[in-house]
Amino acid sequence: STDRPEPAAVAGPWAATLPPRGFAAIR
């Protein structure tokens, strides 16, 4: 299919798929 990159997320608060323990771990 077309090779156009997906648009980047808009600036602002971040959203993540991390559970709370994963968020605390990477911090």
PDB file of all heavy atoms in Angstrom:
ATOM      1  N   SER A   1       0.832  -1.189   0.000  1.00  0.00           N
ATOM      2  CA  SER A   1       0.000   0.000   0.000  1.00  0.00           C
ATOM      3  C   SER A   1       0.869   1.241   0.000  1.00  0.00           C
ATOM      4  O   SER A   1       2.085   1.182   0.110  1.00  0.00           O
ATOM      5  CB  SER A   1      -0.907  -0.001   1.228  1.00  0.00           C
ATOM      6  OG  SER A   1      -0.132   0.052   2.401  1.00  0.00           O
ATOM      7  N   THR A   2       0.253   2.414  -0.105  1.00  0.00           N
ATOM      8  CA  THR A   2       0.974   3.680  -0.155  1.00  0.00           C
ATOM      9  C   THR A   2       1.978   3.810   0.971  1.00  0.00           C
ATOM     10  O   THR A   2       1.740   3.377   2.093  1.00  0.00           O
ATOM     11  CB  THR A   2      -0.032   4.851  -0.100  1.00  0.00           C
ATOM     12  OG1 THR A   2       0.699   6.070  -0.099  1.00  0.00           O
ATOM     13  CG2 THR A   2      -0.896   4.768   1.143  1.00  0.00           C
ATOM     14  N   ASP A   3       3.116   4.416   0.689  1.00  0.00           N
ATOM     15  CA  ASP A   3       4.230   4.503   1.628  1.00  0.00           C
ATOM     16  C   ASP A   3       4.230   5.809   2.408  1.00  0.00           C
ATOM     17  O   ASP A   3       5.249   6.230   2.912  1.00  0.00           O
ATOM     18  CB  ASP A   3       5.542   4.345   0.850  1.00  0.00           C
ATOM     19  CG  ASP A   3       6.712   4.066   1.777  1.00  0.00           C
ATOM     20  OD1 ASP A   3       6.493   3.562   2.898  1.00  0.00           O
ATOM     21  OD2 ASP A   3       7.845   4.367   1.379  1.00  0.00           O
ATOM     22  N   ARG A   4       3.117   6.470   2.508  1.00  0.00           N
ATOM     23  CA  ARG A   4       3.077   7.716   3.255  1.00  0.00           C
ATOM     24  C   ARG A   4       3.126   7.446   4.747  1.00  0.00           C
ATOM     25  O   ARG A   4       2.412   6.586   5.256  1.00  0.00           O
ATOM     26  CB  ARG A   4       1.792   8.487   2.934  1.00  0.00           C
ATOM     27  CG  ARG A   4       1.756   9.014   1.515  1.00  0.00           C
ATOM     28  CD  ARG A   4       0.417   9.655   1.237  1.00  0.00           C
ATOM     29  NE  ARG A   4      -0.650   8.653   1.277  1.00  0.00           N
ATOM     30  CZ  ARG A   4      -1.912   8.937   1.010  1.00  0.00           C
ATOM     31  NH1 ARG A   4      -2.280  10.168   0.704  1.00  0.00           N
ATOM     32  NH2 ARG A   4      -2.829   7.983   1.061  1.00  0.00           N
ATOM     33  N   PRO A   5       3.992   8.166   5.498  1.00  0.00           N
ATOM     34  CA  PRO A   5       4.062   7.932   6.938  1.00  0.00           C
ATOM     35  C   PRO A   5       2.784   8.369   7.625  1.00  0.00           C
ATOM     36  O   PRO A   5       2.090   9.268   7.168  1.00  0.00           O
ATOM     37  CB  PRO A   5       5.252   8.799   7.377  1.00  0.00           C
ATOM     38  CG  PRO A   5       5.338   9.874   6.338  1.00  0.00           C
ATOM     39  CD  PRO A   5       4.902   9.222   5.055  1.00  0.00           C
ATOM     40  N   GLU A   6       2.484   7.698   8.740  1.00  0.00           N
ATOM     41  CA  GLU A   6       1.310   8.074   9.495  1.00  0.00           C
ATOM     42  C   GLU A   6       1.549   9.412  10.185  1.00  0.00           C
ATOM     43  O   GLU A   6       2.663   9.717  10.598  1.00  0.00           O
ATOM     44  CB  GLU A   6       0.994   7.003  10.535  1.00  0.00           C
ATOM     45  CG  GLU A   6       0.633   5.682   9.902  1.00  0.00           C
ATOM     46  CD  GLU A   6       0.204   4.672  10.942  1.00  0.00           C
ATOM     47  OE1 GLU A   6       0.110   5.060  12.108  1.00  0.00           O
ATOM     48  OE2 GLU A   6      -0.035   3.524  10.562  1.00  0.00           O
ATOM     49  N   PRO A   7       0.530  10.243  10.321  1.00  0.00           N
ATOM     50  CA  PRO A   7       0.724  11.528  10.972  1.00  0.00           C
ATOM     51  C   PRO A   7       1.137  11.368  12.414  1.00  0.00           C
ATOM     52  O   PRO A   7       0.694  10.454  13.107  1.00  0.00           O
ATOM     53  CB  PRO A   7      -0.671  12.187  10.872  1.00  0.00           C
ATOM     54  CG  PRO A   7      -1.617  11.037  10.675  1.00  0.00           C
ATOM     55  CD  PRO A   7      -0.858  10.014   9.916  1.00  0.00           C
ATOM     56  N   ALA A   8       2.031  12.237  12.851  1.00  0.00           N
ATOM     57  CA  ALA A   8       2.483  12.195  14.236  1.00  0.00           C
ATOM     58  C   ALA A   8       1.372  12.668  15.153  1.00  0.00           C
ATOM     59  O   ALA A   8       0.463  13.388  14.762  1.00  0.00           O
ATOM     60  CB  ALA A   8       3.722  13.092  14.403  1.00  0.00           C
ATOM     61  N   ALA A   9       1.463  12.230  16.411  1.00  0.00           N
ATOM     62  CA  ALA A   9       0.460  12.650  17.384  1.00  0.00           C
ATOM     63  C   ALA A   9       0.565  14.146  17.634  1.00  0.00           C
ATOM     64  O   ALA A   9       1.632  14.742  17.529  1.00  0.00           O
ATOM     65  CB  ALA A   9       0.655  11.869  18.686  1.00  0.00           C
ATOM     66  N   VAL A  10      -0.548  14.743  17.967  1.00  0.00           N
ATOM     67  CA  VAL A  10      -0.545  16.173  18.223  1.00  0.00           C
ATOM     68  C   VAL A  10       0.123  16.457  19.548  1.00  0.00           C
ATOM     69  O   VAL A  10       0.186  15.617  20.444  1.00  0.00           O
ATOM     70  CB  VAL A  10      -1.994  16.712  18.237  1.00  0.00           C
ATOM     71  CG1 VAL A  10      -2.627  16.544  16.884  1.00  0.00           C
ATOM     72  CG2 VAL A  10      -2.822  16.003  19.301  1.00  0.00           C
ATOM     73  N   ALA A  11       0.664  17.667  19.685  1.00  0.00           N
ATOM     74  CA  ALA A  11       1.311  18.060  20.924  1.00  0.00           C
ATOM     75  C   ALA A  11       0.279  18.157  22.040  1.00  0.00           C
ATOM     76  O   ALA A  11      -0.879  18.494  21.813  1.00  0.00           O
ATOM     77  CB  ALA A  11       2.014  19.388  20.729  1.00  0.00           C
ATOM     78  N   GLY A  12       0.722  17.888  23.245  1.00  0.00           N
ATOM     79  CA  GLY A  12      -0.185  17.972  24.376  1.00  0.00           C
ATOM     80  C   GLY A  12       0.073  16.849  25.342  1.00  0.00           C
ATOM     81  O   GLY A  12       1.125  16.203  25.300  1.00  0.00           O
ATOM     82  N   PRO A  13      -0.854  16.561  26.249  1.00  0.00           N
ATOM     83  CA  PRO A  13      -0.656  15.475  27.202  1.00  0.00           C
ATOM     84  C   PRO A  13      -0.401  14.155  26.482  1.00  0.00           C
ATOM     85  O   PRO A  13      -1.037  13.851  25.480  1.00  0.00           O
ATOM     86  CB  PRO A  13      -1.983  15.451  27.975  1.00  0.00           C
ATOM     87  CG  PRO A  13      -2.562  16.808  27.790  1.00  0.00           C
ATOM     88  CD  PRO A  13      -2.137  17.261  26.427  1.00  0.00           C
ATOM     89  N   TRP A  14       0.531  13.363  26.998  1.00  0.00           N
ATOM     90  CA  TRP A  14       0.856  12.095  26.364  1.00  0.00           C
ATOM     91  C   TRP A  14      -0.168  11.033  26.742  1.00  0.00           C
ATOM     92  O   TRP A  14      -0.839  11.128  27.771  1.00  0.00           O
ATOM     93  CB  TRP A  14       2.267  11.637  26.743  1.00  0.00           C
ATOM     94  CG  TRP A  14       2.538  11.598  28.223  1.00  0.00           C
ATOM     95  CD1 TRP A  14       3.120  12.563  28.977  1.00  0.00           C
ATOM     96  CD2 TRP A  14       2.208  10.526  29.127  1.00  0.00           C
ATOM     97  NE1 TRP A  14       3.183  12.177  30.289  1.00  0.00           N
ATOM     98  CE2 TRP A  14       2.633  10.926  30.410  1.00  0.00           C
ATOM     99  CE3 TRP A  14       1.597   9.282  28.977  1.00  0.00           C
ATOM    100  CZ2 TRP A  14       2.467  10.129  31.535  1.00  0.00           C
ATOM    101  CZ3 TRP A  14       1.431   8.483  30.091  1.00  0.00           C
ATOM    102  CH2 TRP A  14       1.864   8.896  31.349  1.00  0.00           C
ATOM    103  N   ALA A  15      -0.262  10.035  25.886  1.00  0.00           N
ATOM    104  CA  ALA A  15      -1.099   8.867  26.147  1.00  0.00           C
ATOM    105  C   ALA A  15      -0.247   7.632  25.938  1.00  0.00           C
ATOM    106  O   ALA A  15       0.559   7.581  25.007  1.00  0.00           O
ATOM    107  CB  ALA A  15      -2.308   8.842  25.211  1.00  0.00           C
ATOM    108  N   ALA A  16      -0.374   6.642  26.814  1.00  0.00           N
ATOM    109  CA  ALA A  16       0.464   5.455  26.741  1.00  0.00           C
ATOM    110  C   ALA A  16      -0.366   4.212  27.002  1.00  0.00           C
ATOM    111  O   ALA A  16      -1.436   4.277  27.607  1.00  0.00           O
ATOM    112  CB  ALA A  16       1.607   5.543  27.754  1.00  0.00           C
ATOM    113  N   THR A  17       0.159   3.072  26.528  1.00  0.00           N
ATOM    114  CA  THR A  17      -0.512   1.799  26.748  1.00  0.00           C
ATOM    115  C   THR A  17       0.144   1.040  27.901  1.00  0.00           C
ATOM    116  O   THR A  17       0.050  -0.177  27.985  1.00  0.00           O
ATOM    117  CB  THR A  17      -0.443   0.952  25.469  1.00  0.00           C
ATOM    118  OG1 THR A  17       0.928   0.824  25.059  1.00  0.00           O
ATOM    119  CG2 THR A  17      -1.246   1.579  24.354  1.00  0.00           C
ATOM    120  N   LEU A  18       0.805   1.756  28.785  1.00  0.00           N
ATOM    121  CA  LEU A  18       1.479   1.131  29.921  1.00  0.00           C
ATOM    122  C   LEU A  18       0.541   1.007  31.115  1.00  0.00           C
ATOM    123  O   LEU A  18      -0.201   1.937  31.420  1.00  0.00           O
ATOM    124  CB  LEU A  18       2.692   1.964  30.332  1.00  0.00           C
ATOM    125  CG  LEU A  18       3.838   2.089  29.334  1.00  0.00           C
ATOM    126  CD1 LEU A  18       4.827   3.139  29.805  1.00  0.00           C
ATOM    127  CD2 LEU A  18       4.528   0.755  29.154  1.00  0.00           C
ATOM    128  N   PRO A  19       0.590  -0.123  31.823  1.00  0.00           N
ATOM    129  CA  PRO A  19      -0.136  -0.209  33.087  1.00  0.00           C
ATOM    130  C   PRO A  19       0.589   0.635  34.135  1.00  0.00           C
ATOM    131  O   PRO A  19       1.748   1.021  33.934  1.00  0.00           O
ATOM    132  CB  PRO A  19      -0.085  -1.704  33.420  1.00  0.00           C
ATOM    133  CG  PRO A  19       1.168  -2.183  32.758  1.00  0.00           C
ATOM    134  CD  PRO A  19       1.292  -1.382  31.494  1.00  0.00           C
ATOM    135  N   PRO A  20      -0.048   0.950  35.250  1.00  0.00           N
ATOM    136  CA  PRO A  20       0.611   1.782  36.269  1.00  0.00           C
ATOM    137  C   PRO A  20       1.974   1.260  36.702  1.00  0.00           C
ATOM    138  O   PRO A  20       2.922   2.039  36.851  1.00  0.00           O
ATOM    139  CB  PRO A  20      -0.397   1.757  37.436  1.00  0.00           C
ATOM    140  CG  PRO A  20      -1.723   1.553  36.768  1.00  0.00           C
ATOM    141  CD  PRO A  20      -1.454   0.646  35.615  1.00  0.00           C
ATOM    142  N   ARG A  21       2.121  -0.059  36.893  1.00  0.00           N
ATOM    143  CA  ARG A  21       3.417  -0.585  37.329  1.00  0.00           C
ATOM    144  C   ARG A  21       4.474  -0.429  36.244  1.00  0.00           C
ATOM    145  O   ARG A  21       5.657  -0.224  36.536  1.00  0.00           O
ATOM    146  CB  ARG A  21       3.285  -2.051  37.746  1.00  0.00           C
ATOM    147  CG  ARG A  21       2.842  -2.992  36.639  1.00  0.00           C
ATOM    148  CD  ARG A  21       2.712  -4.418  37.158  1.00  0.00           C
ATOM    149  NE  ARG A  21       2.333  -5.347  36.110  1.00  0.00           N
ATOM    150  CZ  ARG A  21       1.089  -5.579  35.725  1.00  0.00           C
ATOM    151  NH1 ARG A  21       0.082  -4.935  36.324  1.00  0.00           N
ATOM    152  NH2 ARG A  21       0.818  -6.448  34.758  1.00  0.00           N
ATOM    153  N   GLY A  22       4.042  -0.539  34.971  1.00  0.00           N
ATOM    154  CA  GLY A  22       4.993  -0.330  33.887  1.00  0.00           C
ATOM    155  C   GLY A  22       5.422   1.120  33.797  1.00  0.00           C
ATOM    156  O   GLY A  22       6.605   1.420  33.547  1.00  0.00           O
ATOM    157  N   PHE A  23       4.486   2.031  33.990  1.00  0.00           N
ATOM    158  CA  PHE A  23       4.816   3.455  33.988  1.00  0.00           C
ATOM    159  C   PHE A  23       5.810   3.772  35.097  1.00  0.00           C
ATOM    160  O   PHE A  23       6.812   4.474  34.887  1.00  0.00           O
ATOM    161  CB  PHE A  23       3.532   4.270  34.166  1.00  0.00           C
ATOM    162  CG  PHE A  23       3.767   5.724  34.459  1.00  0.00           C
ATOM    163  CD1 PHE A  23       4.195   6.583  33.466  1.00  0.00           C
ATOM    164  CD2 PHE A  23       3.544   6.235  35.726  1.00  0.00           C
ATOM    165  CE1 PHE A  23       4.414   7.921  33.729  1.00  0.00           C
ATOM    166  CE2 PHE A  23       3.757   7.572  36.005  1.00  0.00           C
ATOM    167  CZ  PHE A  23       4.189   8.419  35.000  1.00  0.00           C
ATOM    168  N   ALA A  24       5.559   3.247  36.312  1.00  0.00           N
ATOM    169  CA  ALA A  24       6.462   3.501  37.435  1.00  0.00           C
ATOM    170  C   ALA A  24       7.838   2.905  37.172  1.00  0.00           C
ATOM    171  O   ALA A  24       8.866   3.496  37.543  1.00  0.00           O
ATOM    172  CB  ALA A  24       5.866   2.922  38.717  1.00  0.00           C
ATOM    173  N   ALA A  25       7.882   1.732  36.506  1.00  0.00           N
ATOM    174  CA  ALA A  25       9.156   1.068  36.254  1.00  0.00           C
ATOM    175  C   ALA A  25      10.032   1.857  35.293  1.00  0.00           C
ATOM    176  O   ALA A  25      11.224   2.052  35.541  1.00  0.00           O
ATOM    177  CB  ALA A  25       8.906  -0.345  35.712  1.00  0.00           C
ATOM    178  N   ILE A  26       9.459   2.314  34.168  1.00  0.00           N
ATOM    179  CA  ILE A  26      10.299   3.039  33.220  1.00  0.00           C
ATOM    180  C   ILE A  26      10.737   4.384  33.789  1.00  0.00           C
ATOM    181  O   ILE A  26      11.826   4.875  33.482  1.00  0.00           O
ATOM    182  CB  ILE A  26       9.597   3.230  31.857  1.00  0.00           C
ATOM    183  CG1 ILE A  26       8.346   4.100  31.990  1.00  0.00           C
ATOM    184  CG2 ILE A  26       9.272   1.899  31.228  1.00  0.00           C
ATOM    185  CD1 ILE A  26       7.795   4.536  30.658  1.00  0.00           C
ATOM    186  N   ARG A  27       9.922   4.977  34.644  1.00  0.00           N
ATOM    187  CA  ARG A  27      10.336   6.218  35.307  1.00  0.00           C
ATOM    188  C   ARG A  27      11.536   5.950  36.205  1.00  0.00           C
ATOM    189  O   ARG A  27      12.476   6.744  36.251  1.00  0.00           O
ATOM    190  CB  ARG A  27       9.176   6.772  36.126  1.00  0.00           C
ATOM    191  CG  ARG A  27       8.010   7.301  35.309  1.00  0.00           C
ATOM    192  CD  ARG A  27       8.244   8.736  34.868  1.00  0.00           C
ATOM    193  NE  ARG A  27       8.407   9.600  36.033  1.00  0.00           N
ATOM    194  CZ  ARG A  27       8.847  10.858  35.962  1.00  0.00           C
ATOM    195  NH1 ARG A  27       9.177  11.370  34.797  1.00  0.00           N
ATOM    196  NH2 ARG A  27       8.956  11.590  37.048  1.00  0.00           N
TER     197      ARG A  27
END
